[in-house]
């Protein structure tokens, strides 16, 4: 399983980096567009269209990596006051909820992609982008996130069946203060000559 987990983590990291690159390129394009309009008085209006695609694709391609890093925002005011068994149940429920949400979202986005393909839909802009291209890229990100969420849910349930609550915590629990401090301080502790 570690080989598959490593492969999933590597693909998710690569997709999140590509998604971030899309956002950086979109930001540069919008900046160039603003400068061209301000100083050259030319109507240059493709930045808004492309940045919309970049935001949708970049976000969806980053969902799986955020899940693996336990970076999705959760409001856990109540969770911390509950016994360990209730926290474990809520953590698994959160993972299952992500899978269900991902499946529903994937189904609806697939419907959008199929309709755009069937109609040959294009954006009503000077670029006339075939909508199936950004929509399919968006679908890839959501589908990958759903698959990863399903695999993580199966891993967490398997760990629970084996009685390994520590593994369930590492897979499904939100990051606590100790987890975040450990992540921040680990590089400093690994440096040669550091105390400890």
N, C-alpha and C. Protein backbone atom coordinates (compact mmCIF):
# COMPACT_ATOMS: atom_id res chain seq x y z
N UNK A 1 0.79 -1.21 0.00
CA UNK A 1 0.00 0.00 0.00
C UNK A 1 0.84 1.28 0.00
N UNK A 2 2.04 1.31 0.67
CA UNK A 2 2.83 2.54 0.65
C UNK A 2 3.19 2.98 -0.76
N UNK A 3 3.43 2.03 -1.68
CA UNK A 3 3.76 2.41 -3.05
C UNK A 3 2.60 3.12 -3.73
N UNK A 4 1.39 2.58 -3.54
CA UNK A 4 0.20 3.21 -4.12
C UNK A 4 -0.06 4.55 -3.46
N UNK A 5 0.09 4.61 -2.13
CA UNK A 5 -0.11 5.87 -1.41
C UNK A 5 0.88 6.93 -1.89
N UNK A 6 2.12 6.51 -2.12
CA UNK A 6 3.12 7.45 -2.62
C UNK A 6 2.81 7.94 -4.02
N UNK A 7 2.32 7.03 -4.87
CA UNK A 7 1.93 7.40 -6.23
C UNK A 7 0.77 8.40 -6.20
N UNK A 8 -0.23 8.11 -5.37
CA UNK A 8 -1.38 9.01 -5.25
C UNK A 8 -0.94 10.38 -4.74
N UNK A 9 -0.06 10.38 -3.73
CA UNK A 9 0.43 11.65 -3.20
C UNK A 9 1.23 12.42 -4.25
N UNK A 10 2.04 11.69 -5.03
CA UNK A 10 2.84 12.35 -6.07
C UNK A 10 1.98 12.95 -7.16
N UNK A 11 0.97 12.21 -7.62
CA UNK A 11 0.07 12.74 -8.65
C UNK A 11 -0.70 13.94 -8.11
N UNK A 12 -1.16 13.84 -6.87
CA UNK A 12 -1.92 14.94 -6.27
C UNK A 12 -1.06 16.19 -6.12
N UNK A 13 0.20 16.01 -5.72
CA UNK A 13 1.11 17.15 -5.60
C UNK A 13 1.37 17.78 -6.97
N UNK A 14 1.61 16.94 -7.97
CA UNK A 14 1.86 17.47 -9.32
C UNK A 14 0.64 18.23 -9.84
N UNK A 15 -0.55 17.69 -9.63
CA UNK A 15 -1.76 18.37 -10.08
C UNK A 15 -1.94 19.71 -9.36
N UNK A 16 -1.65 19.74 -8.06
CA UNK A 16 -1.79 21.01 -7.34
C UNK A 16 -0.78 22.04 -7.81
N UNK A 17 0.41 21.59 -8.17
CA UNK A 17 1.41 22.52 -8.69
C UNK A 17 1.01 23.07 -10.05
N UNK A 18 0.47 22.20 -10.91
CA UNK A 18 -0.01 22.66 -12.21
C UNK A 18 -1.16 23.64 -12.01
N UNK A 19 -2.07 23.32 -11.08
CA UNK A 19 -3.17 24.23 -10.77
C UNK A 19 -2.68 25.58 -10.29
N UNK A 20 -1.66 25.57 -9.43
CA UNK A 20 -1.08 26.83 -8.98
C UNK A 20 -0.42 27.60 -10.11
N UNK A 21 0.22 26.87 -11.02
CA UNK A 21 0.83 27.51 -12.19
C UNK A 21 -0.23 28.18 -13.06
N UNK A 22 -1.39 27.51 -13.23
CA UNK A 22 -2.49 28.11 -13.98
C UNK A 22 -2.88 29.46 -13.36
N UNK A 23 -2.96 29.49 -12.04
CA UNK A 23 -3.35 30.73 -11.36
C UNK A 23 -2.30 31.82 -11.52
N UNK A 24 -1.02 31.45 -11.45
CA UNK A 24 0.05 32.44 -11.65
C UNK A 24 0.03 33.01 -13.06
N UNK A 25 -0.15 32.14 -14.05
CA UNK A 25 -0.22 32.60 -15.44
C UNK A 25 -1.42 33.52 -15.63
N UNK A 26 -2.55 33.16 -15.03
CA UNK A 26 -3.75 34.00 -15.14
C UNK A 26 -3.51 35.36 -14.52
N UNK A 27 -2.84 35.41 -13.37
CA UNK A 27 -2.55 36.68 -12.72
C UNK A 27 -1.63 37.54 -13.59
N UNK A 28 -0.62 36.91 -14.21
CA UNK A 28 0.28 37.67 -15.09
C UNK A 28 -0.47 38.18 -16.31
N UNK A 29 -1.34 37.35 -16.87
CA UNK A 29 -2.12 37.74 -18.05
C UNK A 29 -3.04 38.92 -17.74
N UNK A 30 -3.68 38.89 -16.59
CA UNK A 30 -4.54 40.00 -16.20
C UNK A 30 -3.72 41.27 -16.01
N UNK A 31 -2.55 41.15 -15.41
CA UNK A 31 -1.68 42.32 -15.22
C UNK A 31 -1.27 42.92 -16.56
N UNK A 32 -0.88 42.06 -17.50
CA UNK A 32 -0.50 42.53 -18.84
C UNK A 32 -1.69 43.18 -19.52
N UNK A 33 -2.85 42.58 -19.38
CA UNK A 33 -4.07 43.12 -19.97
C UNK A 33 -4.37 44.52 -19.44
N UNK A 34 -4.22 44.71 -18.14
CA UNK A 34 -4.46 46.02 -17.53
C UNK A 34 -3.47 47.05 -18.07
N UNK A 35 -2.20 46.67 -18.16
CA UNK A 35 -1.19 47.59 -18.68
C UNK A 35 -1.44 47.96 -20.14
N UNK A 36 -1.85 47.00 -20.94
CA UNK A 36 -2.13 47.28 -22.36
C UNK A 36 -3.31 48.24 -22.48
N UNK A 37 -4.35 48.03 -21.68
CA UNK A 37 -5.50 48.93 -21.73
C UNK A 37 -5.15 50.32 -21.23
N UNK A 38 -4.30 50.38 -20.20
CA UNK A 38 -3.97 51.68 -19.59
C UNK A 38 -3.05 52.50 -20.48
N UNK A 39 -2.02 51.89 -21.05
CA UNK A 39 -1.00 52.66 -21.75
C UNK A 39 -1.12 52.61 -23.27
N UNK A 40 -1.67 51.54 -23.82
CA UNK A 40 -1.78 51.45 -25.27
C UNK A 40 -3.21 51.65 -25.76
N UNK A 41 -4.15 51.77 -24.83
CA UNK A 41 -5.56 52.01 -25.14
C UNK A 41 -6.11 50.98 -26.13
N UNK A 42 -5.67 49.73 -25.98
CA UNK A 42 -6.16 48.67 -26.86
C UNK A 42 -7.16 47.80 -26.09
N UNK A 43 -8.23 47.40 -26.75
CA UNK A 43 -9.20 46.52 -26.09
C UNK A 43 -8.67 45.08 -26.06
N UNK A 44 -8.16 44.70 -24.96
CA UNK A 44 -7.56 43.36 -24.81
C UNK A 44 -8.31 42.68 -23.67
N UNK A 45 -9.20 41.75 -23.99
CA UNK A 45 -10.12 41.23 -22.99
C UNK A 45 -10.13 39.71 -22.86
N UNK A 46 -9.01 39.06 -22.91
CA UNK A 46 -9.04 37.60 -22.76
C UNK A 46 -8.64 37.15 -21.35
N UNK A 47 -8.09 38.06 -20.57
CA UNK A 47 -7.63 37.70 -19.22
C UNK A 47 -8.75 37.23 -18.32
N UNK A 48 -9.89 37.88 -18.40
CA UNK A 48 -11.01 37.51 -17.54
C UNK A 48 -11.48 36.09 -17.86
N UNK A 49 -11.62 35.79 -19.13
CA UNK A 49 -12.06 34.45 -19.53
C UNK A 49 -11.07 33.38 -19.07
N UNK A 50 -9.80 33.58 -19.36
CA UNK A 50 -8.80 32.57 -19.02
C UNK A 50 -8.60 32.44 -17.51
N UNK A 51 -8.72 33.56 -16.79
CA UNK A 51 -8.56 33.48 -15.34
C UNK A 51 -9.72 32.72 -14.69
N UNK A 52 -10.91 32.81 -15.29
CA UNK A 52 -12.05 32.04 -14.78
C UNK A 52 -11.77 30.55 -14.92
N UNK A 53 -11.26 30.15 -16.08
CA UNK A 53 -10.91 28.74 -16.28
C UNK A 53 -9.80 28.33 -15.32
N UNK A 54 -8.80 29.20 -15.17
CA UNK A 54 -7.66 28.89 -14.30
C UNK A 54 -8.11 28.70 -12.86
N UNK A 55 -9.04 29.52 -12.41
CA UNK A 55 -9.52 29.40 -11.03
C UNK A 55 -10.25 28.07 -10.82
N UNK A 56 -11.14 27.73 -11.75
CA UNK A 56 -11.90 26.48 -11.61
C UNK A 56 -10.99 25.26 -11.70
N UNK A 57 -10.10 25.24 -12.68
CA UNK A 57 -9.22 24.09 -12.86
C UNK A 57 -8.18 24.05 -11.74
N UNK A 58 -7.56 25.19 -11.44
CA UNK A 58 -6.53 25.23 -10.40
C UNK A 58 -7.06 24.78 -9.05
N UNK A 59 -8.26 25.22 -8.71
CA UNK A 59 -8.85 24.82 -7.42
C UNK A 59 -9.15 23.32 -7.41
N UNK A 60 -9.82 22.83 -8.45
CA UNK A 60 -10.21 21.41 -8.44
C UNK A 60 -8.99 20.50 -8.49
N UNK A 61 -7.94 20.92 -9.17
CA UNK A 61 -6.74 20.10 -9.24
C UNK A 61 -5.96 20.11 -7.92
N UNK A 62 -6.30 21.01 -7.02
CA UNK A 62 -5.62 21.09 -5.73
C UNK A 62 -6.39 20.41 -4.60
N UNK A 63 -7.64 20.04 -4.85
CA UNK A 63 -8.48 19.46 -3.79
C UNK A 63 -7.87 18.19 -3.19
N UNK A 64 -7.39 17.30 -4.03
CA UNK A 64 -6.87 16.01 -3.54
C UNK A 64 -5.62 16.23 -2.68
N UNK A 65 -4.74 17.12 -3.11
CA UNK A 65 -3.53 17.38 -2.31
C UNK A 65 -3.90 17.98 -0.96
N UNK A 66 -4.87 18.90 -0.97
CA UNK A 66 -5.33 19.49 0.29
C UNK A 66 -5.91 18.42 1.21
N UNK A 67 -6.63 17.47 0.63
CA UNK A 67 -7.18 16.37 1.44
C UNK A 67 -6.06 15.55 2.07
N UNK A 68 -5.05 15.20 1.28
CA UNK A 68 -3.95 14.40 1.80
C UNK A 68 -3.14 15.14 2.86
N UNK A 69 -3.10 16.45 2.76
CA UNK A 69 -2.38 17.26 3.74
C UNK A 69 -3.27 17.65 4.92
N UNK A 70 -4.52 17.19 4.88
CA UNK A 70 -5.53 17.52 5.90
C UNK A 70 -5.68 19.03 6.04
N UNK A 71 -5.70 19.70 4.91
CA UNK A 71 -5.74 21.17 4.91
C UNK A 71 -7.13 21.74 4.66
N UNK A 72 -8.12 20.89 4.40
CA UNK A 72 -9.47 21.41 4.23
C UNK A 72 -9.95 21.99 5.56
N UNK A 73 -10.63 23.10 5.48
CA UNK A 73 -11.10 23.78 6.68
C UNK A 73 -12.25 22.99 7.30
N UNK A 74 -12.13 22.77 8.60
CA UNK A 74 -13.22 22.14 9.36
C UNK A 74 -13.40 22.93 10.64
N UNK A 75 -14.62 23.16 11.00
CA UNK A 75 -14.91 23.84 12.26
C UNK A 75 -15.09 22.76 13.31
N UNK A 76 -14.12 22.67 14.21
CA UNK A 76 -14.13 21.55 15.15
C UNK A 76 -14.23 22.01 16.61
N UNK A 77 -15.10 22.98 16.85
CA UNK A 77 -15.30 23.47 18.22
C UNK A 77 -15.81 22.35 19.11
N UNK A 78 -16.76 21.59 18.61
CA UNK A 78 -17.35 20.51 19.39
C UNK A 78 -16.45 19.27 19.43
N UNK A 79 -15.77 18.98 18.32
CA UNK A 79 -15.00 17.75 18.19
C UNK A 79 -13.98 17.57 19.30
N UNK A 80 -13.27 18.63 19.65
CA UNK A 80 -12.22 18.55 20.65
C UNK A 80 -12.71 18.22 22.05
N UNK A 81 -14.00 18.41 22.30
CA UNK A 81 -14.56 18.15 23.62
C UNK A 81 -15.17 16.76 23.75
N UNK A 82 -15.14 16.01 22.66
CA UNK A 82 -15.77 14.69 22.65
C UNK A 82 -14.75 13.60 22.98
N UNK A 83 -15.22 12.43 23.42
CA UNK A 83 -14.29 11.31 23.65
C UNK A 83 -13.68 10.83 22.34
N UNK A 84 -12.60 10.08 22.44
CA UNK A 84 -11.84 9.64 21.26
C UNK A 84 -12.70 8.86 20.27
N UNK A 85 -13.59 8.00 20.76
CA UNK A 85 -14.41 7.21 19.84
C UNK A 85 -15.36 8.10 19.03
N UNK A 86 -15.92 9.12 19.66
CA UNK A 86 -16.81 10.05 18.94
C UNK A 86 -16.01 10.87 17.93
N UNK A 87 -14.78 11.27 18.29
CA UNK A 87 -13.94 12.03 17.35
C UNK A 87 -13.61 11.16 16.13
N UNK A 88 -13.30 9.90 16.37
CA UNK A 88 -13.00 8.99 15.27
C UNK A 88 -14.20 8.85 14.35
N UNK A 89 -15.38 8.69 14.94
CA UNK A 89 -16.61 8.58 14.15
C UNK A 89 -16.82 9.84 13.30
N UNK A 90 -16.64 11.01 13.90
CA UNK A 90 -16.84 12.27 13.16
C UNK A 90 -15.80 12.43 12.05
N UNK A 91 -14.57 12.00 12.31
CA UNK A 91 -13.53 12.07 11.27
C UNK A 91 -13.88 11.19 10.08
N UNK A 92 -14.35 9.98 10.35
CA UNK A 92 -14.77 9.09 9.27
C UNK A 92 -16.00 9.64 8.55
N UNK A 93 -16.92 10.21 9.31
CA UNK A 93 -18.12 10.80 8.70
C UNK A 93 -17.73 11.95 7.77
N UNK A 94 -16.74 12.74 8.18
CA UNK A 94 -16.27 13.83 7.33
C UNK A 94 -15.68 13.30 6.03
N UNK A 95 -14.89 12.23 6.10
CA UNK A 95 -14.33 11.64 4.89
C UNK A 95 -15.41 11.08 3.98
N UNK A 96 -16.35 10.35 4.56
CA UNK A 96 -17.45 9.79 3.77
C UNK A 96 -18.26 10.92 3.12
N UNK A 97 -18.46 12.01 3.85
CA UNK A 97 -19.19 13.16 3.30
C UNK A 97 -18.46 13.75 2.10
N UNK A 98 -17.14 13.80 2.16
CA UNK A 98 -16.37 14.30 1.02
C UNK A 98 -16.53 13.40 -0.20
N UNK A 99 -16.56 12.08 0.04
CA UNK A 99 -16.74 11.15 -1.07
C UNK A 99 -18.12 11.35 -1.70
N UNK A 100 -19.14 11.44 -0.87
CA UNK A 100 -20.51 11.62 -1.38
C UNK A 100 -20.61 12.94 -2.14
N UNK A 101 -20.06 14.01 -1.55
CA UNK A 101 -20.08 15.31 -2.23
C UNK A 101 -19.33 15.23 -3.55
N UNK A 102 -18.17 14.58 -3.56
CA UNK A 102 -17.39 14.45 -4.78
C UNK A 102 -18.12 13.68 -5.86
N UNK A 103 -18.82 12.61 -5.46
CA UNK A 103 -19.59 11.83 -6.43
C UNK A 103 -20.73 12.65 -7.04
N UNK A 104 -21.44 13.37 -6.19
CA UNK A 104 -22.55 14.21 -6.69
C UNK A 104 -22.01 15.28 -7.62
N UNK A 105 -20.94 15.95 -7.20
CA UNK A 105 -20.36 17.01 -8.02
C UNK A 105 -19.82 16.45 -9.34
N UNK A 106 -19.14 15.31 -9.28
CA UNK A 106 -18.62 14.69 -10.51
C UNK A 106 -19.75 14.36 -11.48
N UNK A 107 -20.83 13.83 -10.96
CA UNK A 107 -21.98 13.48 -11.80
C UNK A 107 -22.52 14.71 -12.53
N UNK A 108 -22.70 15.80 -11.80
CA UNK A 108 -23.26 17.01 -12.40
C UNK A 108 -22.27 17.68 -13.37
N UNK A 109 -21.00 17.67 -13.01
CA UNK A 109 -20.01 18.26 -13.92
C UNK A 109 -19.90 17.40 -15.18
N UNK A 110 -19.99 16.08 -15.03
CA UNK A 110 -19.98 15.21 -16.21
C UNK A 110 -21.15 15.56 -17.12
N UNK A 111 -22.32 15.83 -16.54
CA UNK A 111 -23.48 16.24 -17.34
C UNK A 111 -23.22 17.53 -18.10
N UNK A 112 -22.55 18.46 -17.45
CA UNK A 112 -22.21 19.73 -18.10
C UNK A 112 -21.24 19.51 -19.25
N UNK A 113 -20.21 18.69 -19.02
CA UNK A 113 -19.22 18.39 -20.06
C UNK A 113 -19.90 17.70 -21.24
N UNK A 114 -20.74 16.71 -20.96
CA UNK A 114 -21.42 15.96 -22.03
C UNK A 114 -22.32 16.88 -22.86
N UNK A 115 -23.02 17.79 -22.18
CA UNK A 115 -23.89 18.73 -22.90
C UNK A 115 -23.08 19.67 -23.77
N UNK A 116 -21.97 20.19 -23.23
CA UNK A 116 -21.11 21.09 -24.02
C UNK A 116 -20.55 20.37 -25.23
N UNK A 117 -20.17 19.09 -25.05
CA UNK A 117 -19.63 18.30 -26.16
C UNK A 117 -20.70 18.09 -27.23
N UNK A 118 -21.89 17.72 -26.79
CA UNK A 118 -22.98 17.43 -27.72
C UNK A 118 -23.39 18.68 -28.51
N UNK A 119 -23.42 19.82 -27.84
CA UNK A 119 -23.85 21.06 -28.49
C UNK A 119 -22.70 21.77 -29.22
N UNK A 120 -21.48 21.34 -28.98
CA UNK A 120 -20.34 22.06 -29.55
C UNK A 120 -20.25 23.48 -28.99
N UNK A 121 -20.61 23.62 -27.71
CA UNK A 121 -20.70 24.94 -27.08
C UNK A 121 -19.34 25.63 -27.04
N UNK A 122 -19.39 26.94 -27.33
CA UNK A 122 -18.19 27.78 -27.29
C UNK A 122 -18.47 29.01 -26.44
N UNK A 123 -17.42 29.53 -25.85
CA UNK A 123 -17.54 30.76 -25.07
C UNK A 123 -17.88 31.91 -26.01
N UNK A 124 -18.73 32.80 -25.56
CA UNK A 124 -19.15 33.94 -26.37
C UNK A 124 -18.17 35.10 -26.17
N UNK A 125 -16.92 34.87 -26.59
CA UNK A 125 -15.84 35.85 -26.45
C UNK A 125 -15.00 35.81 -27.72
N UNK A 126 -14.06 36.75 -27.85
CA UNK A 126 -13.20 36.71 -29.04
C UNK A 126 -12.42 35.40 -29.19
N UNK A 127 -12.08 34.74 -28.08
CA UNK A 127 -11.35 33.47 -28.17
C UNK A 127 -12.25 32.33 -28.64
N UNK A 128 -13.54 32.42 -28.38
CA UNK A 128 -14.51 31.38 -28.73
C UNK A 128 -14.03 29.99 -28.29
N UNK A 129 -13.58 29.91 -27.04
CA UNK A 129 -13.05 28.66 -26.49
C UNK A 129 -14.11 27.57 -26.48
N UNK A 130 -13.81 26.39 -27.01
CA UNK A 130 -14.74 25.27 -26.84
C UNK A 130 -14.86 24.95 -25.35
N UNK A 131 -16.05 25.07 -24.81
CA UNK A 131 -16.24 24.93 -23.36
C UNK A 131 -15.89 23.55 -22.83
N UNK A 132 -15.91 22.56 -23.70
CA UNK A 132 -15.61 21.21 -23.24
C UNK A 132 -14.17 21.10 -22.73
N UNK A 133 -13.27 21.94 -23.21
CA UNK A 133 -11.86 21.85 -22.79
C UNK A 133 -11.70 22.24 -21.32
N UNK A 134 -12.06 23.48 -20.91
CA UNK A 134 -11.89 23.79 -19.48
C UNK A 134 -12.82 22.97 -18.59
N UNK A 135 -14.01 22.65 -19.08
CA UNK A 135 -14.93 21.87 -18.26
C UNK A 135 -14.40 20.46 -18.03
N UNK A 136 -13.78 19.85 -19.04
CA UNK A 136 -13.22 18.51 -18.87
C UNK A 136 -12.03 18.55 -17.90
N UNK A 137 -11.21 19.60 -17.98
CA UNK A 137 -10.10 19.73 -17.04
C UNK A 137 -10.62 19.90 -15.61
N UNK A 138 -11.69 20.64 -15.47
CA UNK A 138 -12.34 20.83 -14.17
C UNK A 138 -12.84 19.47 -13.66
N UNK A 139 -13.49 18.70 -14.54
CA UNK A 139 -13.98 17.37 -14.18
C UNK A 139 -12.85 16.45 -13.74
N UNK A 140 -11.70 16.50 -14.43
CA UNK A 140 -10.56 15.66 -14.04
C UNK A 140 -10.15 15.92 -12.60
N UNK A 141 -10.08 17.19 -12.22
CA UNK A 141 -9.70 17.53 -10.85
C UNK A 141 -10.69 17.03 -9.82
N UNK A 142 -11.97 17.20 -10.11
CA UNK A 142 -13.01 16.76 -9.17
C UNK A 142 -13.05 15.24 -9.09
N UNK A 143 -12.93 14.57 -10.23
CA UNK A 143 -12.96 13.10 -10.24
C UNK A 143 -11.74 12.54 -9.49
N UNK A 144 -10.57 13.14 -9.69
CA UNK A 144 -9.37 12.67 -8.97
C UNK A 144 -9.54 12.87 -7.47
N UNK A 145 -10.07 14.03 -7.08
CA UNK A 145 -10.33 14.30 -5.67
C UNK A 145 -11.27 13.24 -5.08
N UNK A 146 -12.33 12.91 -5.82
CA UNK A 146 -13.31 11.93 -5.34
C UNK A 146 -12.66 10.55 -5.20
N UNK A 147 -11.85 10.17 -6.16
CA UNK A 147 -11.15 8.89 -6.09
C UNK A 147 -10.21 8.85 -4.88
N UNK A 148 -9.44 9.91 -4.68
CA UNK A 148 -8.50 9.97 -3.55
C UNK A 148 -9.28 9.95 -2.23
N UNK A 149 -10.38 10.68 -2.16
CA UNK A 149 -11.19 10.68 -0.93
C UNK A 149 -11.73 9.28 -0.66
N UNK A 150 -12.14 8.57 -1.71
CA UNK A 150 -12.62 7.20 -1.54
C UNK A 150 -11.53 6.27 -1.04
N UNK A 151 -10.33 6.40 -1.60
CA UNK A 151 -9.21 5.57 -1.17
C UNK A 151 -8.83 5.87 0.28
N UNK A 152 -8.80 7.15 0.64
CA UNK A 152 -8.47 7.52 2.02
C UNK A 152 -9.53 7.03 2.99
N UNK A 153 -10.79 7.08 2.57
CA UNK A 153 -11.87 6.56 3.42
C UNK A 153 -11.68 5.06 3.64
N UNK A 154 -11.39 4.32 2.57
CA UNK A 154 -11.17 2.88 2.69
C UNK A 154 -9.97 2.59 3.61
N UNK A 155 -8.90 3.38 3.47
CA UNK A 155 -7.73 3.19 4.34
C UNK A 155 -8.08 3.45 5.80
N UNK A 156 -8.87 4.50 6.04
CA UNK A 156 -9.24 4.83 7.42
C UNK A 156 -10.15 3.76 8.02
N UNK A 157 -11.10 3.26 7.24
CA UNK A 157 -11.98 2.20 7.73
C UNK A 157 -11.17 0.93 7.99
N UNK A 158 -10.24 0.61 7.08
CA UNK A 158 -9.38 -0.55 7.30
C UNK A 158 -8.56 -0.42 8.58
N UNK A 159 -8.04 0.77 8.84
CA UNK A 159 -7.27 1.00 10.07
C UNK A 159 -8.16 0.87 11.30
N UNK A 160 -9.40 1.34 11.19
CA UNK A 160 -10.32 1.23 12.32
C UNK A 160 -10.65 -0.24 12.60
N UNK A 161 -10.86 -1.02 11.56
CA UNK A 161 -11.15 -2.45 11.72
C UNK A 161 -9.97 -3.17 12.39
N UNK A 162 -8.75 -2.75 12.05
CA UNK A 162 -7.56 -3.34 12.67
C UNK A 162 -7.32 -2.82 14.08
N UNK A 163 -8.08 -1.81 14.49
CA UNK A 163 -7.92 -1.23 15.82
C UNK A 163 -6.81 -0.20 15.89
N UNK A 164 -6.37 0.30 14.75
CA UNK A 164 -5.28 1.27 14.69
C UNK A 164 -5.85 2.69 14.63
N UNK A 165 -6.26 3.19 15.79
CA UNK A 165 -6.87 4.54 15.84
C UNK A 165 -5.86 5.64 15.52
N UNK A 166 -4.60 5.39 15.80
CA UNK A 166 -3.58 6.39 15.47
C UNK A 166 -3.52 6.60 13.95
N UNK A 167 -3.64 5.51 13.18
CA UNK A 167 -3.64 5.61 11.72
C UNK A 167 -4.90 6.33 11.24
N UNK A 168 -6.04 6.03 11.83
CA UNK A 168 -7.28 6.74 11.48
C UNK A 168 -7.09 8.23 11.71
N UNK A 169 -6.46 8.57 12.83
CA UNK A 169 -6.20 9.98 13.14
C UNK A 169 -5.30 10.61 12.08
N UNK A 170 -4.22 9.90 11.68
CA UNK A 170 -3.29 10.45 10.69
C UNK A 170 -3.95 10.63 9.32
N UNK A 171 -4.94 9.80 9.02
CA UNK A 171 -5.61 9.90 7.72
C UNK A 171 -6.73 10.92 7.74
N UNK A 172 -7.56 10.91 8.78
CA UNK A 172 -8.84 11.61 8.72
C UNK A 172 -8.99 12.81 9.63
N UNK A 173 -8.23 12.90 10.69
CA UNK A 173 -8.44 13.97 11.66
C UNK A 173 -7.89 15.29 11.13
N UNK A 174 -8.54 16.39 11.50
CA UNK A 174 -7.98 17.68 11.12
C UNK A 174 -6.67 17.91 11.86
N UNK A 175 -5.80 18.71 11.27
CA UNK A 175 -4.53 19.00 11.92
C UNK A 175 -4.78 19.77 13.21
N UNK A 176 -4.15 19.31 14.28
CA UNK A 176 -4.22 20.03 15.54
C UNK A 176 -3.02 20.96 15.67
N UNK A 177 -2.97 21.70 16.75
CA UNK A 177 -1.87 22.63 16.98
C UNK A 177 -0.54 21.89 17.02
N UNK A 178 -0.54 20.72 17.69
CA UNK A 178 0.70 19.94 17.79
C UNK A 178 1.17 19.48 16.41
N UNK A 179 0.21 19.05 15.56
CA UNK A 179 0.55 18.61 14.21
C UNK A 179 1.16 19.75 13.41
N UNK A 180 0.54 20.92 13.49
CA UNK A 180 1.03 22.06 12.73
C UNK A 180 2.40 22.53 13.24
N UNK A 181 2.59 22.53 14.55
CA UNK A 181 3.90 22.90 15.09
C UNK A 181 4.97 21.90 14.66
N UNK A 182 4.63 20.61 14.68
CA UNK A 182 5.58 19.59 14.23
C UNK A 182 5.98 19.79 12.79
N UNK A 183 5.02 20.15 11.94
CA UNK A 183 5.30 20.38 10.53
C UNK A 183 6.21 21.58 10.34
N UNK A 184 5.98 22.62 11.11
CA UNK A 184 6.78 23.84 10.99
C UNK A 184 8.18 23.65 11.56
N UNK A 185 8.27 22.95 12.69
CA UNK A 185 9.56 22.82 13.37
C UNK A 185 10.43 21.68 12.84
N UNK A 186 9.85 20.74 12.10
CA UNK A 186 10.61 19.58 11.61
C UNK A 186 11.82 19.97 10.78
N UNK A 187 11.70 20.93 9.82
CA UNK A 187 12.90 21.30 9.05
C UNK A 187 14.01 21.88 9.91
N UNK A 188 13.65 22.65 10.94
CA UNK A 188 14.67 23.23 11.81
C UNK A 188 15.36 22.16 12.62
N UNK A 189 14.60 21.18 13.09
CA UNK A 189 15.18 20.09 13.89
C UNK A 189 16.08 19.19 13.06
N UNK A 190 15.83 19.12 11.76
CA UNK A 190 16.61 18.24 10.89
C UNK A 190 17.93 18.87 10.45
N UNK A 191 18.08 20.19 10.65
CA UNK A 191 19.32 20.87 10.25
C UNK A 191 20.50 20.40 11.10
N UNK A 192 21.67 20.23 10.49
CA UNK A 192 22.85 19.84 11.26
C UNK A 192 23.18 20.90 12.30
N UNK A 193 23.53 20.42 13.49
CA UNK A 193 23.94 21.35 14.55
C UNK A 193 22.78 21.92 15.33
N UNK A 194 21.53 21.50 15.01
CA UNK A 194 20.40 22.02 15.78
C UNK A 194 20.34 21.31 17.11
N UNK A 195 19.88 22.02 18.11
CA UNK A 195 19.81 21.45 19.45
C UNK A 195 18.71 20.40 19.50
N UNK A 196 18.89 19.35 20.25
CA UNK A 196 17.85 18.35 20.44
C UNK A 196 18.21 17.11 19.78
